[in-house]
Every structure is written in structure tokens, then in C-alpha cells.
Amino acid sequence: MKPRRLRVSYQQPQSQVPLRWLALMPFLRLQGRWLDRAGFAVGADVNVQVEPGRLVIEVIDPQKTGTV
């Protein structure tokens, strides 16, 4: 599959406090049919491994974890 290029933006806080008083929270949206083709079906549980400058997202196989 081809690489995807996305941009980190921010999510609007769910608060009545003016935005200038809140720290912006980074937000990354992943959506598209390409996720399904890559094995990320609707309802799938995922594991996110976090490293500096890198995220690794993997589908959790319920057969390996014993949860079905």
C-alpha cells in the first residue's frame, strides 16, 4: 500500500473556557477505505505503540488474546 501523508492539527476543547486559556491538544484523524483494506475494520481493537516521533498502530487479533 502507498504511504499516507497527514497533518497533525488540534481538537477544539469541549469547554466554556475561552480557547486562549487552554493548551491546544494535538489531533490526528485517520479515516478512509484504505484503513479497511489494510485490515482495520470498523469495530476492531488496536494497539498503539508510542516512540519519540513514531506511532505504530496494529490490529489486536482476538484469537491471540483469547477475547472473542
PDB file of N, CA and C in Angstrom:
ATOM      1  N   MET A   1       0.832  -1.181   0.000  1.00  0.00           N
ATOM      2  CA  MET A   1       0.000   0.000   0.000  1.00  0.00           C
ATOM      3  C   MET A   1       0.879   1.247   0.000  1.00  0.00           C
ATOM      4  N   LYS A   2       0.356   2.295  -0.570  1.00  0.00           N
ATOM      5  CA  LYS A   2       1.140   3.526  -0.639  1.00  0.00           C
ATOM      6  C   LYS A   2       1.129   4.272   0.695  1.00  0.00           C
ATOM      7  N   PRO A   3       2.200   5.004   0.977  1.00  0.00           N
ATOM      8  CA  PRO A   3       2.255   5.794   2.216  1.00  0.00           C
ATOM      9  C   PRO A   3       1.189   6.884   2.202  1.00  0.00           C
ATOM     10  N   ARG A   4       0.733   7.275   3.374  1.00  0.00           N
ATOM     11  CA  ARG A   4      -0.244   8.352   3.533  1.00  0.00           C
ATOM     12  C   ARG A   4       0.433   9.528   4.214  1.00  0.00           C
ATOM     13  N   ARG A   5       0.102  10.718   3.772  1.00  0.00           N
ATOM     14  CA  ARG A   5       0.641  11.927   4.401  1.00  0.00           C
ATOM     15  C   ARG A   5      -0.514  12.684   5.045  1.00  0.00           C
ATOM     16  N   LEU A   6      -0.415  12.882   6.342  1.00  0.00           N
ATOM     17  CA  LEU A   6      -1.453  13.557   7.105  1.00  0.00           C
ATOM     18  C   LEU A   6      -0.839  14.747   7.831  1.00  0.00           C
ATOM     19  N   ARG A   7      -1.698  15.611   8.341  1.00  0.00           N
ATOM     20  CA  ARG A   7      -1.219  16.770   9.099  1.00  0.00           C
ATOM     21  C   ARG A   7      -1.803  16.716  10.507  1.00  0.00           C
ATOM     22  N   VAL A   8      -0.951  16.908  11.494  1.00  0.00           N
ATOM     23  CA  VAL A   8      -1.418  16.995  12.873  1.00  0.00           C
ATOM     24  C   VAL A   8      -2.056  18.371  13.048  1.00  0.00           C
ATOM     25  N   SER A   9      -3.294  18.383  13.518  1.00  0.00           N
ATOM     26  CA  SER A   9      -3.969  19.649  13.789  1.00  0.00           C
ATOM     27  C   SER A   9      -4.323  19.669  15.272  1.00  0.00           C
ATOM     28  N   TYR A  10      -5.367  20.388  15.642  1.00  0.00           N
ATOM     29  CA  TYR A  10      -5.778  20.397  17.040  1.00  0.00           C
ATOM     30  C   TYR A  10      -7.275  20.191  17.127  1.00  0.00           C
ATOM     31  N   GLN A  11      -7.701  19.688  18.266  1.00  0.00           N
ATOM     32  CA  GLN A  11      -9.118  19.460  18.516  1.00  0.00           C
ATOM     33  C   GLN A  11      -9.645  20.620  19.334  1.00  0.00           C
ATOM     34  N   GLN A  12     -10.821  21.107  18.977  1.00  0.00           N
ATOM     35  CA  GLN A  12     -11.467  22.171  19.728  1.00  0.00           C
ATOM     36  C   GLN A  12     -11.841  21.629  21.112  1.00  0.00           C
ATOM     37  N   PRO A  13     -11.363  22.265  22.179  1.00  0.00           N
ATOM     38  CA  PRO A  13     -11.702  21.786  23.523  1.00  0.00           C
ATOM     39  C   PRO A  13     -13.202  21.852  23.774  1.00  0.00           C
ATOM     40  N   GLN A  14     -13.718  20.889  24.521  1.00  0.00           N
ATOM     41  CA  GLN A  14     -15.131  20.846  24.891  1.00  0.00           C
ATOM     42  C   GLN A  14     -15.287  21.567  26.226  1.00  0.00           C
ATOM     43  N   SER A  15     -15.151  22.882  26.206  1.00  0.00           N
ATOM     44  CA  SER A  15     -15.192  23.658  27.442  1.00  0.00           C
ATOM     45  C   SER A  15     -15.768  25.030  27.159  1.00  0.00           C
ATOM     46  N   GLN A  16     -16.299  25.646  28.189  1.00  0.00           N
ATOM     47  CA  GLN A  16     -16.810  27.010  28.077  1.00  0.00           C
ATOM     48  C   GLN A  16     -15.693  28.038  28.293  1.00  0.00           C
ATOM     49  N   VAL A  17     -14.522  27.568  28.720  1.00  0.00           N
ATOM     50  CA  VAL A  17     -13.378  28.452  28.940  1.00  0.00           C
ATOM     51  C   VAL A  17     -12.877  28.938  27.580  1.00  0.00           C
ATOM     52  N   PRO A  18     -12.561  30.222  27.434  1.00  0.00           N
ATOM     53  CA  PRO A  18     -12.047  30.714  26.148  1.00  0.00           C
ATOM     54  C   PRO A  18     -10.815  29.931  25.693  1.00  0.00           C
ATOM     55  N   LEU A  19     -10.726  29.694  24.393  1.00  0.00           N
ATOM     56  CA  LEU A  19      -9.649  28.899  23.814  1.00  0.00           C
ATOM     57  C   LEU A  19      -8.269  29.409  24.224  1.00  0.00           C
ATOM     58  N   ARG A  20      -8.113  30.699  24.344  1.00  0.00           N
ATOM     59  CA  ARG A  20      -6.785  31.250  24.671  1.00  0.00           C
ATOM     60  C   ARG A  20      -6.274  30.787  26.036  1.00  0.00           C
ATOM     61  N   TRP A  21      -7.169  30.305  26.905  1.00  0.00           N
ATOM     62  CA  TRP A  21      -6.761  29.858  28.234  1.00  0.00           C
ATOM     63  C   TRP A  21      -6.414  28.369  28.266  1.00  0.00           C
ATOM     64  N   LEU A  22      -6.717  27.662  27.201  1.00  0.00           N
ATOM     65  CA  LEU A  22      -6.478  26.224  27.166  1.00  0.00           C
ATOM     66  C   LEU A  22      -5.303  25.888  26.256  1.00  0.00           C
ATOM     67  N   ALA A  23      -4.527  24.896  26.647  1.00  0.00           N
ATOM     68  CA  ALA A  23      -3.450  24.425  25.781  1.00  0.00           C
ATOM     69  C   ALA A  23      -4.064  23.625  24.629  1.00  0.00           C
ATOM     70  N   LEU A  24      -3.577  23.852  23.418  1.00  0.00           N
ATOM     71  CA  LEU A  24      -4.078  23.111  22.262  1.00  0.00           C
ATOM     72  C   LEU A  24      -3.638  21.659  22.361  1.00  0.00           C
ATOM     73  N   MET A  25      -4.551  20.762  22.024  1.00  0.00           N
ATOM     74  CA  MET A  25      -4.262  19.337  22.071  1.00  0.00           C
ATOM     75  C   MET A  25      -4.054  18.831  20.651  1.00  0.00           C
ATOM     76  N   PRO A  26      -2.915  18.193  20.356  1.00  0.00           N
ATOM     77  CA  PRO A  26      -2.686  17.648  19.018  1.00  0.00           C
ATOM     78  C   PRO A  26      -3.765  16.628  18.664  1.00  0.00           C
ATOM     79  N   PHE A  27      -4.119  16.599  17.381  1.00  0.00           N
ATOM     80  CA  PHE A  27      -5.207  15.744  16.902  1.00  0.00           C
ATOM     81  C   PHE A  27      -4.806  15.182  15.552  1.00  0.00           C
ATOM     82  N   LEU A  28      -4.934  13.868  15.401  1.00  0.00           N
ATOM     83  CA  LEU A  28      -4.611  13.209  14.144  1.00  0.00           C
ATOM     84  C   LEU A  28      -5.799  12.353  13.740  1.00  0.00           C
ATOM     85  N   ARG A  29      -6.388  12.655  12.593  1.00  0.00           N
ATOM     86  CA  ARG A  29      -7.572  11.932  12.128  1.00  0.00           C
ATOM     87  C   ARG A  29      -7.160  10.924  11.051  1.00  0.00           C
ATOM     88  N   LEU A  30      -7.539   9.681  11.281  1.00  0.00           N
ATOM     89  CA  LEU A  30      -7.310   8.625  10.296  1.00  0.00           C
ATOM     90  C   LEU A  30      -8.673   8.135   9.844  1.00  0.00           C
ATOM     91  N   GLN A  31      -8.955   8.234   8.561  1.00  0.00           N
ATOM     92  CA  GLN A  31     -10.215   7.720   8.033  1.00  0.00           C
ATOM     93  C   GLN A  31     -10.052   7.411   6.564  1.00  0.00           C
ATOM     94  N   GLY A  32     -10.855   6.498   6.094  1.00  0.00           N
ATOM     95  CA  GLY A  32     -10.843   6.164   4.676  1.00  0.00           C
ATOM     96  C   GLY A  32     -10.952   4.670   4.449  1.00  0.00           C
ATOM     97  N   ARG A  33     -11.352   4.328   3.243  1.00  0.00           N
ATOM     98  CA  ARG A  33     -11.488   2.913   2.874  1.00  0.00           C
ATOM     99  C   ARG A  33     -10.144   2.185   2.947  1.00  0.00           C
ATOM    100  N   TRP A  34      -9.052   2.931   2.803  1.00  0.00           N
ATOM    101  CA  TRP A  34      -7.731   2.329   2.851  1.00  0.00           C
ATOM    102  C   TRP A  34      -7.479   1.658   4.197  1.00  0.00           C
ATOM    103  N   LEU A  35      -8.103   2.155   5.286  1.00  0.00           N
ATOM    104  CA  LEU A  35      -7.943   1.510   6.592  1.00  0.00           C
ATOM    105  C   LEU A  35      -8.537   0.107   6.574  1.00  0.00           C
ATOM    106  N   ASP A  36      -9.714  -0.042   5.977  1.00  0.00           N
ATOM    107  CA  ASP A  36     -10.346  -1.355   5.873  1.00  0.00           C
ATOM    108  C   ASP A  36      -9.486  -2.292   5.029  1.00  0.00           C
ATOM    109  N   ARG A  37      -8.965  -1.781   3.938  1.00  0.00           N
ATOM    110  CA  ARG A  37      -8.112  -2.611   3.070  1.00  0.00           C
ATOM    111  C   ARG A  37      -6.821  -3.024   3.774  1.00  0.00           C
ATOM    112  N   ALA A  38      -6.404  -2.225   4.743  1.00  0.00           N
ATOM    113  CA  ALA A  38      -5.186  -2.540   5.498  1.00  0.00           C
ATOM    114  C   ALA A  38      -5.468  -3.441   6.697  1.00  0.00           C
ATOM    115  N   GLY A  39      -6.744  -3.822   6.881  1.00  0.00           N
ATOM    116  CA  GLY A  39      -7.080  -4.739   7.965  1.00  0.00           C
ATOM    117  C   GLY A  39      -7.671  -4.079   9.193  1.00  0.00           C
ATOM    118  N   PHE A  40      -7.948  -2.775   9.126  1.00  0.00           N
ATOM    119  CA  PHE A  40      -8.522  -2.047  10.253  1.00  0.00           C
ATOM    120  C   PHE A  40     -10.025  -1.886  10.030  1.00  0.00           C
ATOM    121  N   ALA A  41     -10.771  -2.963  10.280  1.00  0.00           N
ATOM    122  CA  ALA A  41     -12.218  -2.969  10.068  1.00  0.00           C
ATOM    123  C   ALA A  41     -12.915  -2.166  11.169  1.00  0.00           C
ATOM    124  N   VAL A  42     -14.111  -1.701  10.866  1.00  0.00           N
ATOM    125  CA  VAL A  42     -14.913  -0.996  11.862  1.00  0.00           C
ATOM    126  C   VAL A  42     -15.120  -1.913  13.066  1.00  0.00           C
ATOM    127  N   GLY A  43     -14.863  -1.413  14.252  1.00  0.00           N
ATOM    128  CA  GLY A  43     -15.031  -2.185  15.481  1.00  0.00           C
ATOM    129  C   GLY A  43     -13.785  -2.919  15.937  1.00  0.00           C
ATOM    130  N   ALA A  44     -12.732  -2.925  15.127  1.00  0.00           N
ATOM    131  CA  ALA A  44     -11.503  -3.627  15.513  1.00  0.00           C
ATOM    132  C   ALA A  44     -10.824  -2.896  16.670  1.00  0.00           C
ATOM    133  N   ASP A  45     -10.268  -3.649  17.583  1.00  0.00           N
ATOM    134  CA  ASP A  45      -9.451  -3.077  18.649  1.00  0.00           C
ATOM    135  C   ASP A  45      -8.026  -2.944  18.123  1.00  0.00           C
ATOM    136  N   VAL A  46      -7.349  -1.879  18.545  1.00  0.00           N
ATOM    137  CA  VAL A  46      -5.987  -1.654  18.085  1.00  0.00           C
ATOM    138  C   VAL A  46      -5.052  -1.393  19.264  1.00  0.00           C
ATOM    139  N   ASN A  47      -3.797  -1.649  19.039  1.00  0.00           N
ATOM    140  CA  ASN A  47      -2.737  -1.348  19.985  1.00  0.00           C
ATOM    141  C   ASN A  47      -1.890  -0.240  19.363  1.00  0.00           C
ATOM    142  N   VAL A  48      -1.573   0.788  20.138  1.00  0.00           N
ATOM    143  CA  VAL A  48      -0.744   1.890  19.647  1.00  0.00           C
ATOM    144  C   VAL A  48       0.553   1.894  20.441  1.00  0.00           C
ATOM    145  N   GLN A  49       1.649   1.647  19.749  1.00  0.00           N
ATOM    146  CA  GLN A  49       2.971   1.682  20.364  1.00  0.00           C
ATOM    147  C   GLN A  49       3.532   3.081  20.120  1.00  0.00           C
ATOM    148  N   VAL A  50       3.956   3.754  21.180  1.00  0.00           N
ATOM    149  CA  VAL A  50       4.405   5.143  21.090  1.00  0.00           C
ATOM    150  C   VAL A  50       5.907   5.230  21.318  1.00  0.00           C
ATOM    151  N   GLU A  51       6.592   5.858  20.373  1.00  0.00           N
ATOM    152  CA  GLU A  51       8.023   6.132  20.461  1.00  0.00           C
ATOM    153  C   GLU A  51       8.220   7.583  20.058  1.00  0.00           C
ATOM    154  N   PRO A  52       9.315   8.217  20.431  1.00  0.00           N
ATOM    155  CA  PRO A  52       9.541   9.602  20.012  1.00  0.00           C
ATOM    156  C   PRO A  52       9.496   9.736  18.486  1.00  0.00           C
ATOM    157  N   GLY A  53       8.557  10.533  17.979  1.00  0.00           N
ATOM    158  CA  GLY A  53       8.442  10.769  16.549  1.00  0.00           C
ATOM    159  C   GLY A  53       7.867   9.618  15.750  1.00  0.00           C
ATOM    160  N   ARG A  54       7.273   8.627  16.430  1.00  0.00           N
ATOM    161  CA  ARG A  54       6.795   7.443  15.713  1.00  0.00           C
ATOM    162  C   ARG A  54       5.624   6.809  16.457  1.00  0.00           C
ATOM    163  N   LEU A  55       4.569   6.461  15.712  1.00  0.00           N
ATOM    164  CA  LEU A  55       3.446   5.698  16.234  1.00  0.00           C
ATOM    165  C   LEU A  55       3.315   4.433  15.404  1.00  0.00           C
ATOM    166  N   VAL A  56       3.143   3.304  16.062  1.00  0.00           N
ATOM    167  CA  VAL A  56       2.916   2.043  15.369  1.00  0.00           C
ATOM    168  C   VAL A  56       1.533   1.555  15.810  1.00  0.00           C
ATOM    169  N   ILE A  57       0.599   1.449  14.859  1.00  0.00           N
ATOM    170  CA  ILE A  57      -0.773   1.050  15.153  1.00  0.00           C
ATOM    171  C   ILE A  57      -1.008  -0.338  14.568  1.00  0.00           C
ATOM    172  N   GLU A  58      -1.412  -1.281  15.423  1.00  0.00           N
ATOM    173  CA  GLU A  58      -1.633  -2.656  14.991  1.00  0.00           C
ATOM    174  C   GLU A  58      -3.004  -3.124  15.457  1.00  0.00           C
ATOM    175  N   VAL A  59      -3.669  -3.899  14.612  1.00  0.00           N
ATOM    176  CA  VAL A  59      -4.934  -4.518  14.996  1.00  0.00           C
ATOM    177  C   VAL A  59      -4.633  -5.617  16.007  1.00  0.00           C
ATOM    178  N   ILE A  60      -5.425  -5.652  17.072  1.00  0.00           N
ATOM    179  CA  ILE A  60      -5.293  -6.711  18.073  1.00  0.00           C
ATOM    180  C   ILE A  60      -6.093  -7.906  17.591  1.00  0.00           C
ATOM    181  N   ASP A  61      -5.425  -9.020  17.396  1.00  0.00           N
ATOM    182  CA  ASP A  61      -6.072 -10.245  16.942  1.00  0.00           C
ATOM    183  C   ASP A  61      -6.749 -10.903  18.140  1.00  0.00           C
ATOM    184  N   PRO A  62      -8.101 -10.946  18.158  1.00  0.00           N
ATOM    185  CA  PRO A  62      -8.786 -11.540  19.312  1.00  0.00           C
ATOM    186  C   PRO A  62      -8.442 -13.008  19.525  1.00  0.00           C
ATOM    187  N   GLN A  63      -8.043 -13.708  18.484  1.00  0.00           N
ATOM    188  CA  GLN A  63      -7.687 -15.121  18.622  1.00  0.00           C
ATOM    189  C   GLN A  63      -6.399 -15.272  19.447  1.00  0.00           C
ATOM    190  N   LYS A  64      -5.481 -14.311  19.329  1.00  0.00           N
ATOM    191  CA  LYS A  64      -4.221 -14.389  20.071  1.00  0.00           C
ATOM    192  C   LYS A  64      -4.380 -13.935  21.514  1.00  0.00           C
ATOM    193  N   THR A  65      -5.356 -13.047  21.786  1.00  0.00           N
ATOM    194  CA  THR A  65      -5.541 -12.543  23.137  1.00  0.00           C
ATOM    195  C   THR A  65      -6.535 -13.371  23.932  1.00  0.00           C
ATOM    196  N   GLY A  66      -7.276 -14.229  23.249  1.00  0.00           N
ATOM    197  CA  GLY A  66      -8.245 -15.072  23.919  1.00  0.00           C
ATOM    198  C   GLY A  66      -9.587 -14.395  24.140  1.00  0.00           C
ATOM    199  N   THR A  67      -9.776 -13.167  23.611  1.00  0.00           N
ATOM    200  CA  THR A  67     -11.059 -12.471  23.727  1.00  0.00           C
ATOM    201  C   THR A  67     -11.751 -12.520  22.388  1.00  0.00           C
ATOM    202  N   VAL A  68     -12.925 -13.066  22.361  1.00  0.00           N
ATOM    203  CA  VAL A  68     -13.685 -13.175  21.119  1.00  0.00           C
ATOM    204  C   VAL A  68     -15.017 -12.488  21.275  1.00  0.00           C
TER     205      VAL A  68
END
